[in-house]
């Protein structure tokens, strides 16, 4: 079962476990366009962090990104 955007919202307490798209792209040594393609293809699953009462920001789990770093090495 895939999570909907609403089901996949994290709070600020978990921010240490999350990376921005730019941080994840740097760790994976890929462009941001490639990273967006990886997300679209289901290779990485974004989570959404509540940044204001009305908006969320996409992030990626650091552990999930680390799995791709080690599998590529």
PDB file of N, CA and C in Angstrom:
ATOM      1  N   UNK A   1       0.848  -1.189   0.000  1.00  0.00           N
ATOM      2  CA  UNK A   1       0.000   0.000   0.000  1.00  0.00           C
ATOM      3  C   UNK A   1       0.886   1.242   0.000  1.00  0.00           C
ATOM      4  N   UNK A   2       0.652   2.121  -0.912  1.00  0.00           N
ATOM      5  CA  UNK A   2       1.435   3.354  -0.936  1.00  0.00           C
ATOM      6  C   UNK A   2       0.761   4.410  -0.063  1.00  0.00           C
ATOM      7  N   UNK A   3       1.580   5.259   0.498  1.00  0.00           N
ATOM      8  CA  UNK A   3       1.062   6.301   1.370  1.00  0.00           C
ATOM      9  C   UNK A   3       0.657   7.513   0.552  1.00  0.00           C
ATOM     10  N   UNK A   4      -0.428   8.123   0.942  1.00  0.00           N
ATOM     11  CA  UNK A   4      -0.816   9.373   0.302  1.00  0.00           C
ATOM     12  C   UNK A   4      -0.013  10.498   0.926  1.00  0.00           C
ATOM     13  N   UNK A   5      -0.025  11.638   0.314  1.00  0.00           N
ATOM     14  CA  UNK A   5       0.702  12.780   0.849  1.00  0.00           C
ATOM     15  C   UNK A   5       0.254  13.089   2.276  1.00  0.00           C
ATOM     16  N   UNK A   6      -1.033  13.029   2.548  1.00  0.00           N
ATOM     17  CA  UNK A   6      -1.545  13.347   3.872  1.00  0.00           C
ATOM     18  C   UNK A   6      -1.090  12.320   4.905  1.00  0.00           C
ATOM     19  N   UNK A   7      -1.024  11.049   4.526  1.00  0.00           N
ATOM     20  CA  UNK A   7      -0.603   9.998   5.445  1.00  0.00           C
ATOM     21  C   UNK A   7       0.889  10.051   5.734  1.00  0.00           C
ATOM     22  N   UNK A   8       1.627  10.727   4.897  1.00  0.00           N
ATOM     23  CA  UNK A   8       3.078  10.688   4.961  1.00  0.00           C
ATOM     24  C   UNK A   8       3.660  12.023   5.429  1.00  0.00           C
ATOM     25  N   UNK A   9       3.002  12.701   6.351  1.00  0.00           N
ATOM     26  CA  UNK A   9       3.485  13.979   6.875  1.00  0.00           C
ATOM     27  C   UNK A   9       4.191  13.741   8.201  1.00  0.00           C
ATOM     28  N   UNK A  10       5.413  14.199   8.300  1.00  0.00           N
ATOM     29  CA  UNK A  10       6.182  14.086   9.536  1.00  0.00           C
ATOM     30  C   UNK A  10       6.186  15.417  10.243  1.00  0.00           C
ATOM     31  N   UNK A  11       6.492  15.392  11.527  1.00  0.00           N
ATOM     32  CA  UNK A  11       6.635  16.652  12.255  1.00  0.00           C
ATOM     33  C   UNK A  11       8.113  17.007  12.380  1.00  0.00           C
ATOM     34  N   UNK A  12       8.402  18.170  12.909  1.00  0.00           N
ATOM     35  CA  UNK A  12       9.773  18.672  12.976  1.00  0.00           C
ATOM     36  C   UNK A  12      10.667  17.836  13.898  1.00  0.00           C
ATOM     37  N   UNK A  13      10.095  17.014  14.776  1.00  0.00           N
ATOM     38  CA  UNK A  13      10.902  16.212  15.681  1.00  0.00           C
ATOM     39  C   UNK A  13      11.741  15.173  14.949  1.00  0.00           C
ATOM     40  N   UNK A  14      11.335  14.785  13.769  1.00  0.00           N
ATOM     41  CA  UNK A  14      12.052  13.771  13.007  1.00  0.00           C
ATOM     42  C   UNK A  14      12.991  14.364  11.956  1.00  0.00           C
ATOM     43  N   UNK A  15      13.218  15.636  11.988  1.00  0.00           N
ATOM     44  CA  UNK A  15      13.997  16.300  10.937  1.00  0.00           C
ATOM     45  C   UNK A  15      15.431  15.775  10.831  1.00  0.00           C
ATOM     46  N   UNK A  16      16.015  15.277  11.912  1.00  0.00           N
ATOM     47  CA  UNK A  16      17.392  14.784  11.843  1.00  0.00           C
ATOM     48  C   UNK A  16      17.510  13.545  10.967  1.00  0.00           C
ATOM     49  N   UNK A  17      16.426  12.842  10.764  1.00  0.00           N
ATOM     50  CA  UNK A  17      16.423  11.628   9.965  1.00  0.00           C
ATOM     51  C   UNK A  17      16.098  11.889   8.500  1.00  0.00           C
ATOM     52  N   UNK A  18      15.894  13.160   8.139  1.00  0.00           N
ATOM     53  CA  UNK A  18      15.444  13.499   6.795  1.00  0.00           C
ATOM     54  C   UNK A  18      16.446  14.389   6.076  1.00  0.00           C
ATOM     55  N   UNK A  19      16.478  14.260   4.754  1.00  0.00           N
ATOM     56  CA  UNK A  19      17.352  15.078   3.916  1.00  0.00           C
ATOM     57  C   UNK A  19      16.514  15.867   2.921  1.00  0.00           C
ATOM     58  N   UNK A  20      16.976  17.062   2.596  1.00  0.00           N
ATOM     59  CA  UNK A  20      16.348  17.799   1.509  1.00  0.00           C
ATOM     60  C   UNK A  20      16.726  17.108   0.204  1.00  0.00           C
ATOM     61  N   UNK A  21      16.043  17.444  -0.862  1.00  0.00           N
ATOM     62  CA  UNK A  21      16.371  16.864  -2.159  1.00  0.00           C
ATOM     63  C   UNK A  21      17.800  17.227  -2.564  1.00  0.00           C
ATOM     64  N   UNK A  22      18.220  18.449  -2.282  1.00  0.00           N
ATOM     65  CA  UNK A  22      19.584  18.877  -2.643  1.00  0.00           C
ATOM     66  C   UNK A  22      20.619  18.074  -1.856  1.00  0.00           C
ATOM     67  N   UNK A  23      20.382  17.853  -0.568  1.00  0.00           N
ATOM     68  CA  UNK A  23      21.310  17.062   0.250  1.00  0.00           C
ATOM     69  C   UNK A  23      21.377  15.617  -0.242  1.00  0.00           C
ATOM     70  N   UNK A  24      20.216  15.040  -0.557  1.00  0.00           N
ATOM     71  CA  UNK A  24      20.173  13.659  -1.039  1.00  0.00           C
ATOM     72  C   UNK A  24      20.889  13.527  -2.380  1.00  0.00           C
ATOM     73  N   UNK A  25      20.682  14.481  -3.270  1.00  0.00           N
ATOM     74  CA  UNK A  25      21.346  14.443  -4.578  1.00  0.00           C
ATOM     75  C   UNK A  25      22.861  14.495  -4.411  1.00  0.00           C
ATOM     76  N   UNK A  26      23.321  15.310  -3.483  1.00  0.00           N
ATOM     77  CA  UNK A  26      24.756  15.415  -3.239  1.00  0.00           C
ATOM     78  C   UNK A  26      25.305  14.094  -2.693  1.00  0.00           C
ATOM     79  N   UNK A  27      24.613  13.485  -1.744  1.00  0.00           N
ATOM     80  CA  UNK A  27      25.069  12.207  -1.177  1.00  0.00           C
ATOM     81  C   UNK A  27      25.092  11.097  -2.225  1.00  0.00           C
ATOM     82  N   UNK A  28      24.137  11.124  -3.130  1.00  0.00           N
ATOM     83  CA  UNK A  28      24.057  10.102  -4.172  1.00  0.00           C
ATOM     84  C   UNK A  28      24.923  10.424  -5.387  1.00  0.00           C
ATOM     85  N   UNK A  29      25.485  11.623  -5.407  1.00  0.00           N
ATOM     86  CA  UNK A  29      26.291  12.097  -6.542  1.00  0.00           C
ATOM     87  C   UNK A  29      25.496  12.062  -7.844  1.00  0.00           C
ATOM     88  N   UNK A  30      24.261  12.546  -7.771  1.00  0.00           N
ATOM     89  CA  UNK A  30      23.410  12.651  -8.957  1.00  0.00           C
ATOM     90  C   UNK A  30      22.853  14.064  -9.019  1.00  0.00           C
ATOM     91  N   UNK A  31      22.327  14.439 -10.169  1.00  0.00           N
ATOM     92  CA  UNK A  31      21.702  15.751 -10.303  1.00  0.00           C
ATOM     93  C   UNK A  31      20.333  15.732  -9.624  1.00  0.00           C
ATOM     94  N   UNK A  32      19.798  16.897  -9.369  1.00  0.00           N
ATOM     95  CA  UNK A  32      18.459  16.954  -8.777  1.00  0.00           C
ATOM     96  C   UNK A  32      17.421  16.380  -9.732  1.00  0.00           C
ATOM     97  N   UNK A  33      17.625  16.564 -11.034  1.00  0.00           N
ATOM     98  CA  UNK A  33      16.700  15.994 -12.018  1.00  0.00           C
ATOM     99  C   UNK A  33      16.680  14.468 -11.919  1.00  0.00           C
ATOM    100  N   UNK A  34      17.849  13.868 -11.774  1.00  0.00           N
ATOM    101  CA  UNK A  34      17.932  12.414 -11.624  1.00  0.00           C
ATOM    102  C   UNK A  34      17.256  11.976 -10.335  1.00  0.00           C
ATOM    103  N   UNK A  35      17.448  12.749  -9.281  1.00  0.00           N
ATOM    104  CA  UNK A  35      16.817  12.419  -8.007  1.00  0.00           C
ATOM    105  C   UNK A  35      15.291  12.464  -8.131  1.00  0.00           C
ATOM    106  N   UNK A  36      14.767  13.486  -8.793  1.00  0.00           N
ATOM    107  CA  UNK A  36      13.319  13.571  -9.004  1.00  0.00           C
ATOM    108  C   UNK A  36      12.823  12.377  -9.819  1.00  0.00           C
ATOM    109  N   UNK A  37      13.611  11.928 -10.776  1.00  0.00           N
ATOM    110  CA  UNK A  37      13.244  10.757 -11.574  1.00  0.00           C
ATOM    111  C   UNK A  37      13.235   9.500 -10.702  1.00  0.00           C
ATOM    112  N   UNK A  38      14.212   9.387  -9.782  1.00  0.00           N
ATOM    113  CA  UNK A  38      14.263   8.242  -8.869  1.00  0.00           C
ATOM    114  C   UNK A  38      13.016   8.213  -7.991  1.00  0.00           C
ATOM    115  N   UNK A  39      12.572   9.378  -7.544  1.00  0.00           N
ATOM    116  CA  UNK A  39      11.353   9.462  -6.743  1.00  0.00           C
ATOM    117  C   UNK A  39      10.146   9.070  -7.595  1.00  0.00           C
ATOM    118  N   UNK A  40      10.074   9.595  -8.808  1.00  0.00           N
ATOM    119  CA  UNK A  40       8.946   9.288  -9.700  1.00  0.00           C
ATOM    120  C   UNK A  40       8.895   7.804 -10.050  1.00  0.00           C
ATOM    121  N   UNK A  41      10.058   7.158 -10.162  1.00  0.00           N
ATOM    122  CA  UNK A  41      10.135   5.734 -10.486  1.00  0.00           C
ATOM    123  C   UNK A  41       9.907   4.841  -9.271  1.00  0.00           C
ATOM    124  N   UNK A  42       9.773   5.448  -8.086  1.00  0.00           N
ATOM    125  CA  UNK A  42       9.517   4.667  -6.875  1.00  0.00           C
ATOM    126  C   UNK A  42      10.760   4.137  -6.191  1.00  0.00           C
ATOM    127  N   UNK A  43      11.935   4.558  -6.629  1.00  0.00           N
ATOM    128  CA  UNK A  43      13.170   4.101  -5.993  1.00  0.00           C
ATOM    129  C   UNK A  43      13.355   4.739  -4.619  1.00  0.00           C
ATOM    130  N   UNK A  44      12.871   5.952  -4.457  1.00  0.00           N
ATOM    131  CA  UNK A  44      12.916   6.667  -3.182  1.00  0.00           C
ATOM    132  C   UNK A  44      11.508   7.160  -2.860  1.00  0.00           C
ATOM    133  N   UNK A  45      11.173   7.154  -1.583  1.00  0.00           N
ATOM    134  CA  UNK A  45       9.836   7.576  -1.164  1.00  0.00           C
ATOM    135  C   UNK A  45       9.930   8.887  -0.392  1.00  0.00           C
ATOM    136  N   UNK A  46       9.311   9.946  -0.888  1.00  0.00           N
ATOM    137  CA  UNK A  46       9.363  11.212  -0.155  1.00  0.00           C
ATOM    138  C   UNK A  46       8.420  11.199   1.044  1.00  0.00           C
ATOM    139  N   UNK A  47       8.799  11.957   2.041  1.00  0.00           N
ATOM    140  CA  UNK A  47       7.909  12.229   3.171  1.00  0.00           C
ATOM    141  C   UNK A  47       7.736  13.734   3.209  1.00  0.00           C
ATOM    142  N   UNK A  48       6.679  14.192   3.809  1.00  0.00           N
ATOM    143  CA  UNK A  48       6.379  15.617   3.809  1.00  0.00           C
ATOM    144  C   UNK A  48       6.402  16.141   5.235  1.00  0.00           C
ATOM    145  N   UNK A  49       7.169  17.200   5.442  1.00  0.00           N
ATOM    146  CA  UNK A  49       7.349  17.805   6.748  1.00  0.00           C
ATOM    147  C   UNK A  49       6.474  19.041   6.840  1.00  0.00           C
ATOM    148  N   UNK A  50       5.759  19.144   7.923  1.00  0.00           N
ATOM    149  CA  UNK A  50       4.916  20.316   8.163  1.00  0.00           C
ATOM    150  C   UNK A  50       5.815  21.498   8.488  1.00  0.00           C
ATOM    151  N   UNK A  51       5.869  22.493   7.611  1.00  0.00           N
ATOM    152  CA  UNK A  51       6.728  23.658   7.843  1.00  0.00           C
ATOM    153  C   UNK A  51       5.937  24.866   8.342  1.00  0.00           C
ATOM    154  N   UNK A  52       4.715  24.963   7.951  1.00  0.00           N
ATOM    155  CA  UNK A  52       3.801  25.971   8.480  1.00  0.00           C
ATOM    156  C   UNK A  52       2.451  25.274   8.613  1.00  0.00           C
ATOM    157  N   UNK A  53       1.497  25.886   9.269  1.00  0.00           N
ATOM    158  CA  UNK A  53       0.199  25.215   9.403  1.00  0.00           C
ATOM    159  C   UNK A  53      -0.453  24.840   8.074  1.00  0.00           C
ATOM    160  N   UNK A  54      -0.095  25.521   6.996  1.00  0.00           N
ATOM    161  CA  UNK A  54      -0.740  25.251   5.708  1.00  0.00           C
ATOM    162  C   UNK A  54       0.167  24.677   4.636  1.00  0.00           C
ATOM    163  N   UNK A  55       1.437  24.441   4.962  1.00  0.00           N
ATOM    164  CA  UNK A  55       2.315  23.940   3.907  1.00  0.00           C
ATOM    165  C   UNK A  55       3.237  22.836   4.415  1.00  0.00           C
ATOM    166  N   UNK A  56       3.627  21.983   3.493  1.00  0.00           N
ATOM    167  CA  UNK A  56       4.563  20.910   3.786  1.00  0.00           C
ATOM    168  C   UNK A  56       5.724  20.991   2.795  1.00  0.00           C
ATOM    169  N   UNK A  57       6.835  20.373   3.172  1.00  0.00           N
ATOM    170  CA  UNK A  57       8.014  20.356   2.309  1.00  0.00           C
ATOM    171  C   UNK A  57       8.461  18.908   2.129  1.00  0.00           C
ATOM    172  N   UNK A  58       8.800  18.502   0.909  1.00  0.00           N
ATOM    173  CA  UNK A  58       9.234  17.120   0.691  1.00  0.00           C
ATOM    174  C   UNK A  58      10.647  16.893   1.219  1.00  0.00           C
ATOM    175  N   UNK A  59      10.856  15.748   1.821  1.00  0.00           N
ATOM    176  CA  UNK A  59      12.167  15.319   2.301  1.00  0.00           C
ATOM    177  C   UNK A  59      12.317  13.837   1.983  1.00  0.00           C
ATOM    178  N   UNK A  60      13.539  13.335   2.091  1.00  0.00           N
ATOM    179  CA  UNK A  60      13.813  11.923   1.879  1.00  0.00           C
ATOM    180  C   UNK A  60      14.451  11.355   3.142  1.00  0.00           C
ATOM    181  N   UNK A  61      14.111  10.112   3.467  1.00  0.00           N
ATOM    182  CA  UNK A  61      14.681   9.466   4.647  1.00  0.00           C
ATOM    183  C   UNK A  61      16.166   9.223   4.419  1.00  0.00           C
ATOM    184  N   UNK A  62      16.977   9.634   5.393  1.00  0.00           N
ATOM    185  CA  UNK A  62      18.428   9.466   5.281  1.00  0.00           C
ATOM    186  C   UNK A  62      18.798   7.998   5.161  1.00  0.00           C
ATOM    187  N   UNK A  63      18.103   7.125   5.869  1.00  0.00           N
ATOM    188  CA  UNK A  63      18.418   5.695   5.818  1.00  0.00           C
ATOM    189  C   UNK A  63      18.147   5.113   4.435  1.00  0.00           C
ATOM    190  N   UNK A  64      17.087   5.581   3.791  1.00  0.00           N
ATOM    191  CA  UNK A  64      16.746   5.101   2.449  1.00  0.00           C
ATOM    192  C   UNK A  64      17.787   5.574   1.427  1.00  0.00           C
ATOM    193  N   UNK A  65      18.234   6.818   1.577  1.00  0.00           N
ATOM    194  CA  UNK A  65      19.269   7.350   0.691  1.00  0.00           C
ATOM    195  C   UNK A  65      20.569   6.580   0.919  1.00  0.00           C
ATOM    196  N   UNK A  66      20.899   6.284   2.179  1.00  0.00           N
ATOM    197  CA  UNK A  66      22.129   5.555   2.495  1.00  0.00           C
ATOM    198  C   UNK A  66      22.134   4.168   1.869  1.00  0.00           C
ATOM    199  N   UNK A  67      20.981   3.518   1.786  1.00  0.00           N
ATOM    200  CA  UNK A  67      20.886   2.207   1.139  1.00  0.00           C
ATOM    201  C   UNK A  67      21.302   2.297  -0.334  1.00  0.00           C
ATOM    202  N   UNK A  68      20.900   3.367  -1.003  1.00  0.00           N
ATOM    203  CA  UNK A  68      21.254   3.537  -2.405  1.00  0.00           C
ATOM    204  C   UNK A  68      22.722   3.900  -2.582  1.00  0.00           C
ATOM    205  N   UNK A  69      23.283   4.591  -1.584  1.00  0.00           N
ATOM    206  CA  UNK A  69      24.713   4.934  -1.645  1.00  0.00           C
ATOM    207  C   UNK A  69      25.524   3.658  -1.534  1.00  0.00           C
ATOM    208  N   UNK A  70      25.174   2.793  -0.587  1.00  0.00           N
ATOM    209  CA  UNK A  70      25.956   1.562  -0.381  1.00  0.00           C
ATOM    210  C   UNK A  70      25.737   0.567  -1.516  1.00  0.00           C
ATOM    211  N   UNK A  71      24.540   0.534  -2.099  1.00  0.00           N
ATOM    212  CA  UNK A  71      24.295  -0.393  -3.197  1.00  0.00           C
ATOM    213  C   UNK A  71      25.004   0.047  -4.478  1.00  0.00           C
ATOM    214  N   UNK A  72      25.277   1.337  -4.603  1.00  0.00           N
ATOM    215  CA  UNK A  72      25.956   1.848  -5.792  1.00  0.00           C
ATOM    216  C   UNK A  72      27.474   1.687  -5.685  1.00  0.00           C
ATOM    217  N   UNK A  73      27.962   1.512  -4.467  1.00  0.00           N
ATOM    218  CA  UNK A  73      29.428   1.413  -4.256  1.00  0.00           C
ATOM    219  C   UNK A  73      29.961   0.044  -4.601  1.00  0.00           C
TER     220      UNK A  73
END
